Amino acid sequence: MTDVDVTTEERAEIATNDGGDHERFSHYVKKDAIVPSAIEGTPVVALCGKKWVPGRDPGRFPVCPECKEIFESLK
């Protein structure tokens, strides 16, 4: 039972707003990180460095300019 409490506290800390504009955008993440995040609630890391547990519809937000720039430079 204590393990569950610790896990919950860690997730709350990771998912907090970092105070920047990152909350206003959809972000690019590695494809192989999406399913584990959806199933297990593990955090993902965007190309721009933002860490969070996704929970919103990304189609409702514009793409993060920093993620987009990094993604386009990889092509």
N, C-alpha and C. Protein backbone atom coordinates (compact mmCIF):
# COMPACT_ATOMS: atom_id res chain seq x y z
N MET A 1 0.82 -1.18 0.00
CA MET A 1 0.00 0.00 0.00
C MET A 1 0.87 1.26 0.00
N THR A 2 1.98 1.24 0.68
CA THR A 2 2.88 2.39 0.69
C THR A 2 3.45 2.64 -0.71
N ASP A 3 3.75 1.58 -1.46
CA ASP A 3 4.27 1.74 -2.81
C ASP A 3 3.32 2.52 -3.70
N VAL A 4 2.04 2.28 -3.55
CA VAL A 4 1.04 3.00 -4.35
C VAL A 4 1.08 4.48 -4.03
N ASP A 5 1.18 4.83 -2.77
CA ASP A 5 1.23 6.24 -2.38
C ASP A 5 2.46 6.94 -2.96
N VAL A 6 3.60 6.27 -2.92
CA VAL A 6 4.83 6.86 -3.43
C VAL A 6 4.72 7.09 -4.93
N THR A 7 4.19 6.13 -5.66
CA THR A 7 4.03 6.26 -7.11
C THR A 7 3.12 7.43 -7.44
N THR A 8 2.03 7.56 -6.72
CA THR A 8 1.09 8.66 -6.96
C THR A 8 1.76 10.00 -6.74
N GLU A 9 2.56 10.13 -5.71
CA GLU A 9 3.24 11.39 -5.43
C GLU A 9 4.24 11.71 -6.53
N GLU A 10 4.98 10.73 -7.03
CA GLU A 10 5.94 10.97 -8.09
C GLU A 10 5.24 11.45 -9.36
N ARG A 11 4.13 10.86 -9.71
CA ARG A 11 3.40 11.27 -10.91
C ARG A 11 2.89 12.69 -10.78
N ALA A 12 2.39 13.06 -9.63
CA ALA A 12 1.88 14.42 -9.43
C ALA A 12 3.01 15.43 -9.60
N GLU A 13 4.18 15.10 -9.13
CA GLU A 13 5.32 16.01 -9.24
C GLU A 13 5.75 16.17 -10.70
N ILE A 14 5.76 15.09 -11.46
CA ILE A 14 6.18 15.14 -12.86
C ILE A 14 5.17 15.90 -13.70
N ALA A 15 3.90 15.75 -13.39
CA ALA A 15 2.85 16.31 -14.24
C ALA A 15 2.55 17.78 -13.96
N THR A 16 3.22 18.38 -13.00
CA THR A 16 2.93 19.78 -12.68
C THR A 16 3.38 20.71 -13.79
N ASN A 17 2.73 21.84 -13.88
CA ASN A 17 3.05 22.86 -14.87
C ASN A 17 4.42 23.42 -14.57
N ASP A 18 5.26 23.52 -15.60
CA ASP A 18 6.61 24.03 -15.40
C ASP A 18 6.67 25.55 -15.48
N GLY A 19 5.52 26.20 -15.60
CA GLY A 19 5.49 27.65 -15.59
C GLY A 19 5.72 28.29 -16.95
N GLY A 20 6.00 27.48 -17.97
CA GLY A 20 6.25 28.02 -19.30
C GLY A 20 5.03 27.89 -20.21
N ASP A 21 5.25 28.17 -21.47
CA ASP A 21 4.19 28.08 -22.46
C ASP A 21 3.95 26.64 -22.93
N HIS A 22 4.71 25.69 -22.42
CA HIS A 22 4.59 24.30 -22.87
C HIS A 22 3.17 23.76 -22.75
N GLU A 23 2.40 24.26 -21.81
CA GLU A 23 1.04 23.76 -21.59
C GLU A 23 0.09 24.17 -22.70
N ARG A 24 0.46 25.13 -23.50
CA ARG A 24 -0.41 25.64 -24.56
C ARG A 24 -0.23 24.91 -25.88
N PHE A 25 0.71 23.97 -25.96
CA PHE A 25 1.07 23.34 -27.22
C PHE A 25 0.95 21.82 -27.18
N SER A 26 0.83 21.23 -28.37
CA SER A 26 1.00 19.80 -28.55
C SER A 26 2.48 19.58 -28.80
N HIS A 27 3.01 18.48 -28.31
CA HIS A 27 4.44 18.22 -28.42
C HIS A 27 4.72 16.92 -29.16
N TYR A 28 5.90 16.85 -29.78
CA TYR A 28 6.34 15.63 -30.44
C TYR A 28 7.08 14.76 -29.44
N VAL A 29 6.70 13.47 -29.41
CA VAL A 29 7.38 12.49 -28.56
C VAL A 29 7.69 11.26 -29.41
N LYS A 30 8.57 10.40 -28.93
CA LYS A 30 8.88 9.16 -29.64
C LYS A 30 7.64 8.26 -29.66
N LYS A 31 7.39 7.63 -30.80
CA LYS A 31 6.22 6.77 -30.96
C LYS A 31 6.18 5.65 -29.92
N ASP A 32 7.35 5.07 -29.62
CA ASP A 32 7.37 3.94 -28.69
C ASP A 32 7.09 4.34 -27.24
N ALA A 33 6.98 5.63 -26.95
CA ALA A 33 6.68 6.09 -25.59
C ALA A 33 5.18 6.33 -25.38
N ILE A 34 4.41 6.40 -26.47
CA ILE A 34 3.01 6.76 -26.36
C ILE A 34 2.17 5.67 -25.71
N VAL A 35 2.31 4.41 -26.16
CA VAL A 35 1.49 3.32 -25.62
C VAL A 35 1.79 3.08 -24.14
N PRO A 36 3.06 2.96 -23.73
CA PRO A 36 3.31 2.76 -22.29
C PRO A 36 2.75 3.90 -21.44
N SER A 37 2.81 5.11 -21.94
CA SER A 37 2.27 6.24 -21.20
C SER A 37 0.77 6.11 -21.04
N ALA A 38 0.09 5.72 -22.10
CA ALA A 38 -1.37 5.58 -22.04
C ALA A 38 -1.80 4.44 -21.12
N ILE A 39 -1.06 3.35 -21.14
CA ILE A 39 -1.43 2.17 -20.34
C ILE A 39 -0.99 2.30 -18.89
N GLU A 40 0.26 2.70 -18.69
CA GLU A 40 0.84 2.70 -17.34
C GLU A 40 0.84 4.08 -16.67
N GLY A 41 0.59 5.12 -17.45
CA GLY A 41 0.62 6.46 -16.88
C GLY A 41 2.03 6.98 -16.67
N THR A 42 2.99 6.41 -17.41
CA THR A 42 4.38 6.87 -17.27
C THR A 42 4.57 8.17 -18.05
N PRO A 43 5.43 9.04 -17.59
CA PRO A 43 5.64 10.32 -18.28
C PRO A 43 6.38 10.12 -19.60
N VAL A 44 6.17 11.05 -20.51
CA VAL A 44 6.89 11.09 -21.78
C VAL A 44 7.76 12.34 -21.79
N VAL A 45 8.75 12.34 -22.69
CA VAL A 45 9.63 13.50 -22.83
C VAL A 45 9.52 13.98 -24.28
N ALA A 46 9.12 15.22 -24.46
CA ALA A 46 9.00 15.80 -25.79
C ALA A 46 10.38 16.15 -26.34
N LEU A 47 10.44 16.38 -27.65
CA LEU A 47 11.71 16.78 -28.27
C LEU A 47 12.27 18.05 -27.64
N CYS A 48 11.38 18.93 -27.18
CA CYS A 48 11.82 20.20 -26.57
C CYS A 48 12.27 20.03 -25.12
N GLY A 49 12.05 18.83 -24.54
CA GLY A 49 12.48 18.57 -23.17
C GLY A 49 11.36 18.55 -22.14
N LYS A 50 10.14 18.93 -22.52
CA LYS A 50 9.03 18.93 -21.57
C LYS A 50 8.72 17.49 -21.15
N LYS A 51 8.53 17.27 -19.84
CA LYS A 51 8.16 15.97 -19.29
C LYS A 51 6.76 16.07 -18.70
N TRP A 52 5.89 15.12 -19.06
CA TRP A 52 4.53 15.12 -18.53
C TRP A 52 3.83 13.82 -18.85
N VAL A 53 2.71 13.60 -18.20
CA VAL A 53 1.86 12.45 -18.50
C VAL A 53 0.72 12.99 -19.36
N PRO A 54 0.67 12.62 -20.65
CA PRO A 54 -0.36 13.15 -21.54
C PRO A 54 -1.76 12.79 -21.06
N GLY A 55 -2.66 13.73 -21.22
CA GLY A 55 -4.03 13.48 -20.82
C GLY A 55 -5.04 14.28 -21.63
N ARG A 56 -4.57 15.14 -22.50
CA ARG A 56 -5.46 15.97 -23.30
C ARG A 56 -5.38 15.56 -24.77
N ASP A 57 -6.38 15.98 -25.54
CA ASP A 57 -6.40 15.74 -26.97
C ASP A 57 -5.40 16.68 -27.63
N PRO A 58 -4.30 16.16 -28.20
CA PRO A 58 -3.29 17.03 -28.78
C PRO A 58 -3.79 17.79 -30.01
N GLY A 59 -4.86 17.32 -30.64
CA GLY A 59 -5.41 17.99 -31.80
C GLY A 59 -6.03 19.34 -31.51
N ARG A 60 -6.26 19.61 -30.23
CA ARG A 60 -6.88 20.87 -29.83
C ARG A 60 -5.87 22.01 -29.67
N PHE A 61 -4.59 21.71 -29.79
CA PHE A 61 -3.56 22.71 -29.53
C PHE A 61 -2.61 22.82 -30.72
N PRO A 62 -2.00 23.99 -30.92
CA PRO A 62 -0.99 24.11 -31.98
C PRO A 62 0.28 23.36 -31.59
N VAL A 63 1.07 22.99 -32.59
CA VAL A 63 2.32 22.26 -32.34
C VAL A 63 3.35 23.19 -31.72
N CYS A 64 4.07 22.68 -30.75
CA CYS A 64 5.14 23.43 -30.08
C CYS A 64 6.17 23.85 -31.13
N PRO A 65 6.47 25.14 -31.24
CA PRO A 65 7.43 25.60 -32.25
C PRO A 65 8.83 24.99 -32.05
N GLU A 66 9.22 24.79 -30.82
CA GLU A 66 10.54 24.22 -30.55
C GLU A 66 10.60 22.76 -30.98
N CYS A 67 9.55 21.98 -30.66
CA CYS A 67 9.48 20.58 -31.10
C CYS A 67 9.48 20.50 -32.62
N LYS A 68 8.70 21.37 -33.26
CA LYS A 68 8.59 21.37 -34.72
C LYS A 68 9.94 21.66 -35.36
N GLU A 69 10.66 22.64 -34.83
CA GLU A 69 11.97 22.99 -35.36
C GLU A 69 12.94 21.83 -35.23
N ILE A 70 12.96 21.19 -34.08
CA ILE A 70 13.85 20.05 -33.86
C ILE A 70 13.48 18.90 -34.79
N PHE A 71 12.18 18.60 -34.90
CA PHE A 71 11.72 17.51 -35.76
C PHE A 71 12.13 17.74 -37.21
N GLU A 72 11.93 18.96 -37.70
CA GLU A 72 12.28 19.27 -39.09
C GLU A 72 13.78 19.22 -39.34
N SER A 73 14.58 19.50 -38.33
CA SER A 73 16.03 19.43 -38.48
C SER A 73 16.52 17.97 -38.53
N LEU A 74 15.70 17.04 -38.07
CA LEU A 74 16.07 15.62 -38.08
C LEU A 74 15.85 14.95 -39.44
N LYS A 75 15.04 15.57 -40.28
CA LYS A 75 14.73 14.99 -41.59
C LYS A 75 15.91 15.06 -42.54
